[in-house]
Amino acid sequence: MTFRMDLNWRGREAARRSEEASRRGLQKAAEHVLGVAQQRVPLEEGVLQDSGRTVVDTTALTAGVTFDTVYARIQHEDLTFRHAPGRTAKYVEGPLTEEAARCRGIIGAEIRWAHLR
């Protein structure tokens, strides 16, 4: 019995799909961290919470979460401030560290899904 198998290697296509999926996954992961951070950001009037944004560099494949108010950095860094229950300083740093595994999972799922299509 003879067995024959033809293999058509599409490495460039696989690389392109992986890169596009990495971008999508990175955006989704950043949005996930933003959502967690917005649940912890010190809340007085909601201005700080509403200023949260994701920043994704699709060329360097890096992402970040930013809050853009005059007092965002002070609220993030000063551990002596008192906050409402569930609200805290380090409202970006904490979720980023705590959600790292989930973010890797989000990105990995996007890459796997890209190769199943």
PDB file of N, CA and C in Angstrom:
ATOM      1  N   MET A   1       0.841  -1.169   0.000  1.00  0.00           N
ATOM      2  CA  MET A   1       0.000   0.000   0.000  1.00  0.00           C
ATOM      3  C   MET A   1       0.890   1.238   0.000  1.00  0.00           C
ATOM      4  N   THR A   2       0.566   2.132  -0.888  1.00  0.00           N
ATOM      5  CA  THR A   2       1.326   3.374  -1.011  1.00  0.00           C
ATOM      6  C   THR A   2       0.472   4.527  -0.508  1.00  0.00           C
ATOM      7  N   PHE A   3       1.114   5.381   0.239  1.00  0.00           N
ATOM      8  CA  PHE A   3       0.433   6.556   0.783  1.00  0.00           C
ATOM      9  C   PHE A   3       1.120   7.786   0.234  1.00  0.00           C
ATOM     10  N   ARG A   4       0.346   8.680  -0.319  1.00  0.00           N
ATOM     11  CA  ARG A   4       0.900   9.908  -0.888  1.00  0.00           C
ATOM     12  C   ARG A   4       0.247  11.104  -0.219  1.00  0.00           C
ATOM     13  N   MET A   5       1.069  12.080   0.098  1.00  0.00           N
ATOM     14  CA  MET A   5       0.556  13.286   0.734  1.00  0.00           C
ATOM     15  C   MET A   5       1.183  14.498   0.071  1.00  0.00           C
ATOM     16  N   ASP A   6       0.348  15.421  -0.324  1.00  0.00           N
ATOM     17  CA  ASP A   6       0.832  16.680  -0.883  1.00  0.00           C
ATOM     18  C   ASP A   6       0.750  17.746   0.195  1.00  0.00           C
ATOM     19  N   LEU A   7       1.778  18.517   0.311  1.00  0.00           N
ATOM     20  CA  LEU A   7       1.822  19.566   1.310  1.00  0.00           C
ATOM     21  C   LEU A   7       2.011  20.894   0.615  1.00  0.00           C
ATOM     22  N   ASN A   8       1.125  21.802   0.904  1.00  0.00           N
ATOM     23  CA  ASN A   8       1.221  23.143   0.348  1.00  0.00           C
ATOM     24  C   ASN A   8       1.522  24.096   1.504  1.00  0.00           C
ATOM     25  N   TRP A   9       2.751  24.496   1.658  1.00  0.00           N
ATOM     26  CA  TRP A   9       3.175  25.361   2.756  1.00  0.00           C
ATOM     27  C   TRP A   9       2.814  26.804   2.439  1.00  0.00           C
ATOM     28  N   ARG A  10       2.055  27.411   3.342  1.00  0.00           N
ATOM     29  CA  ARG A  10       1.658  28.804   3.170  1.00  0.00           C
ATOM     30  C   ARG A  10       2.156  29.621   4.364  1.00  0.00           C
ATOM     31  N   GLY A  11       3.456  29.652   4.517  1.00  0.00           N
ATOM     32  CA  GLY A  11       4.079  30.332   5.649  1.00  0.00           C
ATOM     33  C   GLY A  11       3.787  31.820   5.701  1.00  0.00           C
ATOM     34  N   ARG A  12       3.825  32.468   4.563  1.00  0.00           N
ATOM     35  CA  ARG A  12       3.539  33.916   4.547  1.00  0.00           C
ATOM     36  C   ARG A  12       2.109  34.206   4.969  1.00  0.00           C
ATOM     37  N   GLU A  13       1.185  33.395   4.492  1.00  0.00           N
ATOM     38  CA  GLU A  13      -0.217  33.556   4.874  1.00  0.00           C
ATOM     39  C   GLU A  13      -0.398  33.315   6.370  1.00  0.00           C
ATOM     40  N   ALA A  14       0.259  32.300   6.902  1.00  0.00           N
ATOM     41  CA  ALA A  14       0.173  32.010   8.341  1.00  0.00           C
ATOM     42  C   ALA A  14       0.747  33.157   9.161  1.00  0.00           C
ATOM     43  N   ALA A  15       1.868  33.694   8.719  1.00  0.00           N
ATOM     44  CA  ALA A  15       2.487  34.824   9.428  1.00  0.00           C
ATOM     45  C   ALA A  15       1.582  36.050   9.389  1.00  0.00           C
ATOM     46  N   ARG A  16       0.974  36.306   8.236  1.00  0.00           N
ATOM     47  CA  ARG A  16       0.076  37.458   8.100  1.00  0.00           C
ATOM     48  C   ARG A  16      -1.134  37.301   9.020  1.00  0.00           C
ATOM     49  N   ARG A  17      -1.717  36.113   9.038  1.00  0.00           N
ATOM     50  CA  ARG A  17      -2.867  35.870   9.908  1.00  0.00           C
ATOM     51  C   ARG A  17      -2.488  36.024  11.379  1.00  0.00           C
ATOM     52  N   SER A  18      -1.329  35.514  11.734  1.00  0.00           N
ATOM     53  CA  SER A  18      -0.877  35.630  13.129  1.00  0.00           C
ATOM     54  C   SER A  18      -0.682  37.083  13.528  1.00  0.00           C
ATOM     55  N   GLU A  19      -0.097  37.864  12.651  1.00  0.00           N
ATOM     56  CA  GLU A  19       0.144  39.273  12.961  1.00  0.00           C
ATOM     57  C   GLU A  19      -1.165  40.051  13.099  1.00  0.00           C
ATOM     58  N   GLU A  20      -2.087  39.819  12.173  1.00  0.00           N
ATOM     59  CA  GLU A  20      -3.387  40.496  12.264  1.00  0.00           C
ATOM     60  C   GLU A  20      -4.127  40.084  13.537  1.00  0.00           C
ATOM     61  N   ALA A  21      -4.073  38.806  13.850  1.00  0.00           N
ATOM     62  CA  ALA A  21      -4.740  38.311  15.056  1.00  0.00           C
ATOM     63  C   ALA A  21      -4.080  38.874  16.308  1.00  0.00           C
ATOM     64  N   SER A  22      -2.770  39.025  16.271  1.00  0.00           N
ATOM     65  CA  SER A  22      -2.062  39.611  17.411  1.00  0.00           C
ATOM     66  C   SER A  22      -2.535  41.036  17.653  1.00  0.00           C
ATOM     67  N   ARG A  23      -2.729  41.779  16.594  1.00  0.00           N
ATOM     68  CA  ARG A  23      -3.232  43.152  16.730  1.00  0.00           C
ATOM     69  C   ARG A  23      -4.635  43.171  17.339  1.00  0.00           C
ATOM     70  N   ARG A  24      -5.506  42.308  16.822  1.00  0.00           N
ATOM     71  CA  ARG A  24      -6.868  42.243  17.363  1.00  0.00           C
ATOM     72  C   ARG A  24      -6.848  41.814  18.825  1.00  0.00           C
ATOM     73  N   GLY A  25      -6.051  40.799  19.124  1.00  0.00           N
ATOM     74  CA  GLY A  25      -5.965  40.303  20.496  1.00  0.00           C
ATOM     75  C   GLY A  25      -5.405  41.343  21.440  1.00  0.00           C
ATOM     76  N   LEU A  26      -4.413  42.070  20.991  1.00  0.00           N
ATOM     77  CA  LEU A  26      -3.815  43.125  21.808  1.00  0.00           C
ATOM     78  C   LEU A  26      -4.842  44.203  22.118  1.00  0.00           C
ATOM     79  N   GLN A  27      -5.636  44.589  21.132  1.00  0.00           N
ATOM     80  CA  GLN A  27      -6.685  45.591  21.348  1.00  0.00           C
ATOM     81  C   GLN A  27      -7.715  45.071  22.346  1.00  0.00           C
ATOM     82  N   LYS A  28      -8.137  43.826  22.184  1.00  0.00           N
ATOM     83  CA  LYS A  28      -9.121  43.241  23.098  1.00  0.00           C
ATOM     84  C   LYS A  28      -8.566  43.119  24.510  1.00  0.00           C
ATOM     85  N   ALA A  29      -7.308  42.744  24.624  1.00  0.00           N
ATOM     86  CA  ALA A  29      -6.681  42.622  25.947  1.00  0.00           C
ATOM     87  C   ALA A  29      -6.589  43.990  26.622  1.00  0.00           C
ATOM     88  N   ALA A  30      -6.209  45.013  25.866  1.00  0.00           N
ATOM     89  CA  ALA A  30      -6.132  46.365  26.421  1.00  0.00           C
ATOM     90  C   ALA A  30      -7.517  46.833  26.871  1.00  0.00           C
ATOM     91  N   GLU A  31      -8.540  46.540  26.090  1.00  0.00           N
ATOM     92  CA  GLU A  31      -9.905  46.919  26.469  1.00  0.00           C
ATOM     93  C   GLU A  31     -10.344  46.175  27.727  1.00  0.00           C
ATOM     94  N   HIS A  32      -9.907  44.947  27.871  1.00  0.00           N
ATOM     95  CA  HIS A  32     -10.233  44.186  29.086  1.00  0.00           C
ATOM     96  C   HIS A  32      -9.609  44.860  30.318  1.00  0.00           C
ATOM     97  N   VAL A  33      -8.328  45.193  30.222  1.00  0.00           N
ATOM     98  CA  VAL A  33      -7.650  45.858  31.346  1.00  0.00           C
ATOM     99  C   VAL A  33      -8.312  47.195  31.644  1.00  0.00           C
ATOM    100  N   LEU A  34      -8.666  47.942  30.608  1.00  0.00           N
ATOM    101  CA  LEU A  34      -9.351  49.222  30.809  1.00  0.00           C
ATOM    102  C   LEU A  34     -10.650  49.015  31.578  1.00  0.00           C
ATOM    103  N   GLY A  35     -11.409  48.008  31.211  1.00  0.00           N
ATOM    104  CA  GLY A  35     -12.673  47.737  31.899  1.00  0.00           C
ATOM    105  C   GLY A  35     -12.476  47.444  33.373  1.00  0.00           C
ATOM    106  N   VAL A  36     -11.465  46.652  33.690  1.00  0.00           N
ATOM    107  CA  VAL A  36     -11.179  46.343  35.095  1.00  0.00           C
ATOM    108  C   VAL A  36     -10.710  47.606  35.810  1.00  0.00           C
ATOM    109  N   ALA A  37      -9.842  48.378  35.165  1.00  0.00           N
ATOM    110  CA  ALA A  37      -9.328  49.614  35.764  1.00  0.00           C
ATOM    111  C   ALA A  37     -10.465  50.603  36.026  1.00  0.00           C
ATOM    112  N   GLN A  38     -11.407  50.693  35.116  1.00  0.00           N
ATOM    113  CA  GLN A  38     -12.517  51.632  35.300  1.00  0.00           C
ATOM    114  C   GLN A  38     -13.410  51.240  36.479  1.00  0.00           C
ATOM    115  N   GLN A  39     -13.390  49.985  36.859  1.00  0.00           N
ATOM    116  CA  GLN A  39     -14.151  49.555  38.031  1.00  0.00           C
ATOM    117  C   GLN A  39     -13.439  49.912  39.334  1.00  0.00           C
ATOM    118  N   ARG A  40     -12.138  50.230  39.238  1.00  0.00           N
ATOM    119  CA  ARG A  40     -11.351  50.531  40.440  1.00  0.00           C
ATOM    120  C   ARG A  40     -10.938  51.984  40.568  1.00  0.00           C
ATOM    121  N   VAL A  41     -11.039  52.738  39.491  1.00  0.00           N
ATOM    122  CA  VAL A  41     -10.569  54.118  39.495  1.00  0.00           C
ATOM    123  C   VAL A  41     -11.319  54.906  40.572  1.00  0.00           C
ATOM    124  N   PRO A  42     -10.612  55.763  41.314  1.00  0.00           N
ATOM    125  CA  PRO A  42     -11.296  56.597  42.308  1.00  0.00           C
ATOM    126  C   PRO A  42     -12.449  57.353  41.647  1.00  0.00           C
ATOM    127  N   LEU A  43     -13.579  57.351  42.314  1.00  0.00           N
ATOM    128  CA  LEU A  43     -14.781  57.880  41.700  1.00  0.00           C
ATOM    129  C   LEU A  43     -15.365  59.002  42.554  1.00  0.00           C
ATOM    130  N   GLU A  44     -15.357  60.182  41.991  1.00  0.00           N
ATOM    131  CA  GLU A  44     -16.008  61.320  42.646  1.00  0.00           C
ATOM    132  C   GLU A  44     -17.164  61.758  41.766  1.00  0.00           C
ATOM    133  N   GLU A  45     -16.827  62.169  40.550  1.00  0.00           N
ATOM    134  CA  GLU A  45     -17.847  62.627  39.612  1.00  0.00           C
ATOM    135  C   GLU A  45     -17.861  61.805  38.326  1.00  0.00           C
ATOM    136  N   GLY A  46     -16.914  60.897  38.179  1.00  0.00           N
ATOM    137  CA  GLY A  46     -16.841  60.071  36.977  1.00  0.00           C
ATOM    138  C   GLY A  46     -15.958  60.619  35.884  1.00  0.00           C
ATOM    139  N   VAL A  47     -15.390  61.821  36.088  1.00  0.00           N
ATOM    140  CA  VAL A  47     -14.551  62.433  35.055  1.00  0.00           C
ATOM    141  C   VAL A  47     -13.304  61.589  34.805  1.00  0.00           C
ATOM    142  N   LEU A  48     -12.639  61.161  35.871  1.00  0.00           N
ATOM    143  CA  LEU A  48     -11.441  60.340  35.732  1.00  0.00           C
ATOM    144  C   LEU A  48     -11.792  59.010  35.070  1.00  0.00           C
ATOM    145  N   GLN A  49     -12.840  58.381  35.520  1.00  0.00           N
ATOM    146  CA  GLN A  49     -13.259  57.099  34.958  1.00  0.00           C
ATOM    147  C   GLN A  49     -13.552  57.225  33.460  1.00  0.00           C
ATOM    148  N   ASP A  50     -14.230  58.265  33.071  1.00  0.00           N
ATOM    149  CA  ASP A  50     -14.608  58.467  31.671  1.00  0.00           C
ATOM    150  C   ASP A  50     -13.428  58.831  30.775  1.00  0.00           C
ATOM    151  N   SER A  51     -12.311  59.237  31.369  1.00  0.00           N
ATOM    152  CA  SER A  51     -11.157  59.639  30.558  1.00  0.00           C
ATOM    153  C   SER A  51     -10.289  58.452  30.139  1.00  0.00           C
ATOM    154  N   GLY A  52     -10.627  57.246  30.588  1.00  0.00           N
ATOM    155  CA  GLY A  52      -9.827  56.062  30.271  1.00  0.00           C
ATOM    156  C   GLY A  52      -9.868  55.712  28.794  1.00  0.00           C
ATOM    157  N   ARG A  53      -8.709  55.355  28.262  1.00  0.00           N
ATOM    158  CA  ARG A  53      -8.569  55.000  26.849  1.00  0.00           C
ATOM    159  C   ARG A  53      -7.521  53.897  26.698  1.00  0.00           C
ATOM    160  N   THR A  54      -7.638  53.154  25.606  1.00  0.00           N
ATOM    161  CA  THR A  54      -6.577  52.211  25.248  1.00  0.00           C
ATOM    162  C   THR A  54      -5.729  52.846  24.161  1.00  0.00           C
ATOM    163  N   VAL A  55      -4.456  52.496  24.165  1.00  0.00           N
ATOM    164  CA  VAL A  55      -3.521  52.968  23.158  1.00  0.00           C
ATOM    165  C   VAL A  55      -2.804  51.733  22.626  1.00  0.00           C
ATOM    166  N   VAL A  56      -2.939  51.470  21.327  1.00  0.00           N
ATOM    167  CA  VAL A  56      -2.310  50.291  20.735  1.00  0.00           C
ATOM    168  C   VAL A  56      -1.414  50.733  19.589  1.00  0.00           C
ATOM    169  N   ASP A  57      -0.166  50.312  19.648  1.00  0.00           N
ATOM    170  CA  ASP A  57       0.784  50.549  18.557  1.00  0.00           C
ATOM    171  C   ASP A  57       0.828  49.261  17.751  1.00  0.00           C
ATOM    172  N   THR A  58       0.172  49.255  16.602  1.00  0.00           N
ATOM    173  CA  THR A  58       0.082  48.033  15.803  1.00  0.00           C
ATOM    174  C   THR A  58       1.385  47.673  15.112  1.00  0.00           C
ATOM    175  N   THR A  59       2.293  48.621  14.994  1.00  0.00           N
ATOM    176  CA  THR A  59       3.592  48.326  14.397  1.00  0.00           C
ATOM    177  C   THR A  59       4.495  47.626  15.405  1.00  0.00           C
ATOM    178  N   ALA A  60       4.577  48.171  16.608  1.00  0.00           N
ATOM    179  CA  ALA A  60       5.424  47.591  17.649  1.00  0.00           C
ATOM    180  C   ALA A  60       4.718  46.471  18.419  1.00  0.00           C
ATOM    181  N   LEU A  61       3.423  46.306  18.172  1.00  0.00           N
ATOM    182  CA  LEU A  61       2.596  45.336  18.892  1.00  0.00           C
ATOM    183  C   LEU A  61       2.710  45.537  20.402  1.00  0.00           C
ATOM    184  N   THR A  62       2.427  46.767  20.814  1.00  0.00           N
ATOM    185  CA  THR A  62       2.377  47.109  22.236  1.00  0.00           C
ATOM    186  C   THR A  62       1.050  47.815  22.503  1.00  0.00           C
ATOM    187  N   ALA A  63       0.628  47.751  23.747  1.00  0.00           N
ATOM    188  CA  ALA A  63      -0.636  48.392  24.111  1.00  0.00           C
ATOM    189  C   ALA A  63      -0.509  48.999  25.496  1.00  0.00           C
ATOM    190  N   GLY A  64      -1.357  49.951  25.761  1.00  0.00           N
ATOM    191  CA  GLY A  64      -1.378  50.575  27.072  1.00  0.00           C
ATOM    192  C   GLY A  64      -2.774  51.059  27.402  1.00  0.00           C
ATOM    193  N   VAL A  65      -2.952  51.369  28.660  1.00  0.00           N
ATOM    194  CA  VAL A  65      -4.194  51.945  29.155  1.00  0.00           C
ATOM    195  C   VAL A  65      -3.830  53.272  29.787  1.00  0.00           C
ATOM    196  N   THR A  66      -4.571  54.298  29.464  1.00  0.00           N
ATOM    197  CA  THR A  66      -4.265  55.622  29.980  1.00  0.00           C
ATOM    198  C   THR A  66      -5.534  56.304  30.475  1.00  0.00           C
ATOM    199  N   PHE A  67      -5.358  57.131  31.477  1.00  0.00           N
ATOM    200  CA  PHE A  67      -6.424  57.994  31.975  1.00  0.00           C
ATOM    201  C   PHE A  67      -5.897  59.410  31.861  1.00  0.00           C
ATOM    202  N   ASP A  68      -6.694  60.290  31.298  1.00  0.00           N
ATOM    203  CA  ASP A  68      -6.197  61.604  30.921  1.00  0.00           C
ATOM    204  C   ASP A  68      -6.965  62.720  31.621  1.00  0.00           C
ATOM    205  N   THR A  69      -6.599  62.969  32.874  1.00  0.00           N
ATOM    206  CA  THR A  69      -7.092  64.144  33.583  1.00  0.00           C
ATOM    207  C   THR A  69      -5.910  64.750  34.321  1.00  0.00           C
ATOM    208  N   VAL A  70      -6.089  65.933  34.799  1.00  0.00           N
ATOM    209  CA  VAL A  70      -5.020  66.637  35.505  1.00  0.00           C
ATOM    210  C   VAL A  70      -4.550  65.836  36.717  1.00  0.00           C
ATOM    211  N   TYR A  71      -5.453  65.161  37.378  1.00  0.00           N
ATOM    212  CA  TYR A  71      -5.125  64.481  38.628  1.00  0.00           C
ATOM    213  C   TYR A  71      -5.018  62.961  38.491  1.00  0.00           C
ATOM    214  N   ALA A  72      -5.001  62.434  37.297  1.00  0.00           N
ATOM    215  CA  ALA A  72      -4.947  60.977  37.098  1.00  0.00           C
ATOM    216  C   ALA A  72      -3.695  60.372  37.734  1.00  0.00           C
ATOM    217  N   ARG A  73      -2.549  60.987  37.489  1.00  0.00           N
ATOM    218  CA  ARG A  73      -1.296  60.441  38.032  1.00  0.00           C
ATOM    219  C   ARG A  73      -1.286  60.511  39.561  1.00  0.00           C
ATOM    220  N   ILE A  74      -1.729  61.613  40.111  1.00  0.00           N
ATOM    221  CA  ILE A  74      -1.749  61.768  41.573  1.00  0.00           C
ATOM    222  C   ILE A  74      -2.654  60.713  42.195  1.00  0.00           C
ATOM    223  N   GLN A  75      -3.841  60.542  41.634  1.00  0.00           N
ATOM    224  CA  GLN A  75      -4.774  59.547  42.158  1.00  0.00           C
ATOM    225  C   GLN A  75      -4.202  58.129  42.036  1.00  0.00           C
ATOM    226  N   HIS A  76      -3.456  57.876  40.969  1.00  0.00           N
ATOM    227  CA  HIS A  76      -2.886  56.547  40.760  1.00  0.00           C
ATOM    228  C   HIS A  76      -1.748  56.263  41.734  1.00  0.00           C
ATOM    229  N   GLU A  77      -0.920  57.248  41.988  1.00  0.00           N
ATOM    230  CA  GLU A  77       0.317  57.018  42.738  1.00  0.00           C
ATOM    231  C   GLU A  77       0.213  57.242  44.248  1.00  0.00           C
ATOM    232  N   ASP A  78      -0.662  58.118  44.699  1.00  0.00           N
ATOM    233  CA  ASP A  78      -0.696  58.457  46.124  1.00  0.00           C
ATOM    234  C   ASP A  78      -1.494  57.424  46.912  1.00  0.00           C
ATOM    235  N   LEU A  79      -0.788  56.620  47.674  1.00  0.00           N
ATOM    236  CA  LEU A  79      -1.412  55.533  48.429  1.00  0.00           C
ATOM    237  C   LEU A  79      -2.067  56.016  49.723  1.00  0.00           C
ATOM    238  N   THR A  80      -1.920  57.296  50.045  1.00  0.00           N
ATOM    239  CA  THR A  80      -2.503  57.809  51.285  1.00  0.00           C
ATOM    240  C   THR A  80      -3.931  58.316  51.115  1.00  0.00           C
ATOM    241  N   PHE A  81      -4.385  58.476  49.879  1.00  0.00           N
ATOM    242  CA  PHE A  81      -5.751  58.954  49.653  1.00  0.00           C
ATOM    243  C   PHE A  81      -6.752  57.885  50.087  1.00  0.00           C
ATOM    244  N   ARG A  82      -7.875  58.344  50.580  1.00  0.00           N
ATOM    245  CA  ARG A  82      -8.964  57.425  50.936  1.00  0.00           C
ATOM    246  C   ARG A  82      -9.948  57.371  49.775  1.00  0.00           C
ATOM    247  N   HIS A  83     -10.405  56.164  49.482  1.00  0.00           N
ATOM    248  CA  HIS A  83     -11.321  55.970  48.358  1.00  0.00           C
ATOM    249  C   HIS A  83     -12.536  55.180  48.809  1.00  0.00           C
ATOM    250  N   ALA A  84     -13.587  55.260  48.042  1.00  0.00           N
ATOM    251  CA  ALA A  84     -14.793  54.475  48.292  1.00  0.00           C
ATOM    252  C   ALA A  84     -14.459  52.986  48.191  1.00  0.00           C
ATOM    253  N   PRO A  85     -15.246  52.127  48.813  1.00  0.00           N
ATOM    254  CA  PRO A  85     -14.997  50.681  48.737  1.00  0.00           C
ATOM    255  C   PRO A  85     -14.894  50.198  47.288  1.00  0.00           C
ATOM    256  N   GLY A  86     -13.871  49.413  47.031  1.00  0.00           N
ATOM    257  CA  GLY A  86     -13.642  48.886  45.686  1.00  0.00           C
ATOM    258  C   GLY A  86     -12.845  49.813  44.790  1.00  0.00           C
ATOM    259  N   ARG A  87     -12.681  51.049  45.202  1.00  0.00           N
ATOM    260  CA  ARG A  87     -11.918  52.042  44.431  1.00  0.00           C
ATOM    261  C   ARG A  87     -10.556  52.190  45.099  1.00  0.00           C
ATOM    262  N   THR A  88      -9.505  52.386  44.295  1.00  0.00           N
ATOM    263  CA  THR A  88      -8.169  52.355  44.872  1.00  0.00           C
ATOM    264  C   THR A  88      -7.146  53.102  44.031  1.00  0.00           C
ATOM    265  N   ALA A  89      -6.029  53.427  44.667  1.00  0.00           N
ATOM    266  CA  ALA A  89      -4.866  53.906  43.915  1.00  0.00           C
ATOM    267  C   ALA A  89      -4.337  52.709  43.125  1.00  0.00           C
ATOM    268  N   LYS A  90      -3.404  52.932  42.251  1.00  0.00           N
ATOM    269  CA  LYS A  90      -2.825  51.868  41.414  1.00  0.00           C
ATOM    270  C   LYS A  90      -3.920  51.169  40.610  1.00  0.00           C
ATOM    271  N   TYR A  91      -4.888  51.949  40.162  1.00  0.00           N
ATOM    272  CA  TYR A  91      -6.052  51.412  39.461  1.00  0.00           C
ATOM    273  C   TYR A  91      -5.744  50.907  38.062  1.00  0.00           C
ATOM    274  N   VAL A  92      -4.563  51.225  37.523  1.00  0.00           N
ATOM    275  CA  VAL A  92      -4.129  50.647  36.245  1.00  0.00           C
ATOM    276  C   VAL A  92      -3.090  49.551  36.511  1.00  0.00           C
ATOM    277  N   GLU A  93      -2.144  49.859  37.349  1.00  0.00           N
ATOM    278  CA  GLU A  93      -1.069  48.913  37.631  1.00  0.00           C
ATOM    279  C   GLU A  93      -1.595  47.594  38.200  1.00  0.00           C
ATOM    280  N   GLY A  94      -2.520  47.664  39.131  1.00  0.00           N
ATOM    281  CA  GLY A  94      -3.075  46.454  39.730  1.00  0.00           C
ATOM    282  C   GLY A  94      -3.749  45.557  38.698  1.00  0.00           C
ATOM    283  N   PRO A  95      -4.732  46.071  37.951  1.00  0.00           N
ATOM    284  CA  PRO A  95      -5.384  45.235  36.947  1.00  0.00           C
ATOM    285  C   PRO A  95      -4.425  44.704  35.874  1.00  0.00           C
ATOM    286  N   LEU A  96      -3.453  45.516  35.489  1.00  0.00           N
ATOM    287  CA  LEU A  96      -2.503  45.055  34.475  1.00  0.00           C
ATOM    288  C   LEU A  96      -1.729  43.839  34.969  1.00  0.00           C
ATOM    289  N   THR A  97      -1.281  43.895  36.208  1.00  0.00           N
ATOM    290  CA  THR A  97      -0.541  42.775  36.785  1.00  0.00           C
ATOM    291  C   THR A  97      -1.460  41.579  37.014  1.00  0.00           C
ATOM    292  N   GLU A  98      -2.607  41.830  37.606  1.00  0.00           N
ATOM    293  CA  GLU A  98      -3.530  40.749  37.962  1.00  0.00           C
ATOM    294  C   GLU A  98      -4.156  40.079  36.745  1.00  0.00           C
ATOM    295  N   GLU A  99      -4.342  40.799  35.678  1.00  0.00           N
ATOM    296  CA  GLU A  99      -5.023  40.273  34.496  1.00  0.00           C
ATOM    297  C   GLU A  99      -4.056  39.835  33.394  1.00  0.00           C
ATOM    298  N   ALA A 100      -2.761  39.770  33.688  1.00  0.00           N
ATOM    299  CA  ALA A 100      -1.762  39.425  32.665  1.00  0.00           C
ATOM    300  C   ALA A 100      -2.044  38.064  32.031  1.00  0.00           C
ATOM    301  N   ALA A 101      -2.341  37.063  32.829  1.00  0.00           N
ATOM    302  CA  ALA A 101      -2.609  35.727  32.278  1.00  0.00           C
ATOM    303  C   ALA A 101      -3.847  35.744  31.385  1.00  0.00           C
ATOM    304  N   ARG A 102      -4.884  36.436  31.824  1.00  0.00           N
ATOM    305  CA  ARG A 102      -6.100  36.527  31.007  1.00  0.00           C
ATOM    306  C   ARG A 102      -5.804  37.249  29.694  1.00  0.00           C
ATOM    307  N   CYS A 103      -4.983  38.292  29.743  1.00  0.00           N
ATOM    308  CA  CYS A 103      -4.623  39.023  28.518  1.00  0.00           C
ATOM    309  C   CYS A 103      -3.859  38.125  27.551  1.00  0.00           C
ATOM    310  N   ARG A 104      -2.923  37.340  28.088  1.00  0.00           N
ATOM    311  CA  ARG A 104      -2.217  36.382  27.223  1.00  0.00           C
ATOM    312  C   ARG A 104      -3.202  35.403  26.600  1.00  0.00           C
ATOM    313  N   GLY A 105      -4.192  34.980  27.373  1.00  0.00           N
ATOM    314  CA  GLY A 105      -5.212  34.077  26.852  1.00  0.00           C
ATOM    315  C   GLY A 105      -6.049  34.711  25.755  1.00  0.00           C
ATOM    316  N   ILE A 106      -6.389  35.971  25.924  1.00  0.00           N
ATOM    317  CA  ILE A 106      -7.174  36.696  24.914  1.00  0.00           C
ATOM    318  C   ILE A 106      -6.393  36.775  23.604  1.00  0.00           C
ATOM    319  N   ILE A 107      -5.130  37.141  23.701  1.00  0.00           N
ATOM    320  CA  ILE A 107      -4.291  37.258  22.501  1.00  0.00           C
ATOM    321  C   ILE A 107      -4.099  35.887  21.861  1.00  0.00           C
ATOM    322  N   GLY A 108      -3.812  34.882  22.671  1.00  0.00           N
ATOM    323  CA  GLY A 108      -3.616  33.532  22.150  1.00  0.00           C
ATOM    324  C   GLY A 108      -4.862  32.991  21.466  1.00  0.00           C
ATOM    325  N   ALA A 109      -6.022  33.263  22.039  1.00  0.00           N
ATOM    326  CA  ALA A 109      -7.274  32.803  21.443  1.00  0.00           C
ATOM    327  C   ALA A 109      -7.492  33.435  20.072  1.00  0.00           C
ATOM    328  N   GLU A 110      -7.168  34.706  19.947  1.00  0.00           N
ATOM    329  CA  GLU A 110      -7.299  35.372  18.650  1.00  0.00           C
ATOM    330  C   GLU A 110      -6.383  34.737  17.617  1.00  0.00           C
ATOM    331  N   ILE A 111      -5.162  34.424  18.019  1.00  0.00           N
ATOM    332  CA  ILE A 111      -4.208  33.809  17.080  1.00  0.00           C
ATOM    333  C   ILE A 111      -4.682  32.408  16.691  1.00  0.00           C
ATOM    334  N   ARG A 112      -5.122  31.624  17.664  1.00  0.00           N
ATOM    335  CA  ARG A 112      -5.608  30.278  17.344  1.00  0.00           C
ATOM    336  C   ARG A 112      -6.815  30.355  16.421  1.00  0.00           C
ATOM    337  N   TRP A 113      -7.743  31.242  16.720  1.00  0.00           N
ATOM    338  CA  TRP A 113      -8.949  31.373  15.915  1.00  0.00           C
ATOM    339  C   TRP A 113      -8.611  31.773  14.475  1.00  0.00           C
ATOM    340  N   ALA A 114      -7.607  32.608  14.307  1.00  0.00           N
ATOM    341  CA  ALA A 114      -7.220  33.061  12.979  1.00  0.00           C
ATOM    342  C   ALA A 114      -6.771  31.906  12.089  1.00  0.00           C
ATOM    343  N   HIS A 115      -6.217  30.885  12.699  1.00  0.00           N
ATOM    344  CA  HIS A 115      -5.705  29.750  11.915  1.00  0.00           C
ATOM    345  C   HIS A 115      -6.736  28.640  11.747  1.00  0.00           C
ATOM    346  N   LEU A 116      -7.889  28.790  12.366  1.00  0.00           N
ATOM    347  CA  LEU A 116      -8.962  27.810  12.199  1.00  0.00           C
ATOM    348  C   LEU A 116      -9.904  28.187  11.068  1.00  0.00           C
ATOM    349  N   ARG A 117      -9.834  29.430  10.660  1.00  0.00           N
ATOM    350  CA  ARG A 117     -10.745  29.908   9.603  1.00  0.00           C
ATOM    351  C   ARG A 117     -10.313  29.434   8.257  1.00  0.00           C
TER     352      ARG A 117
END
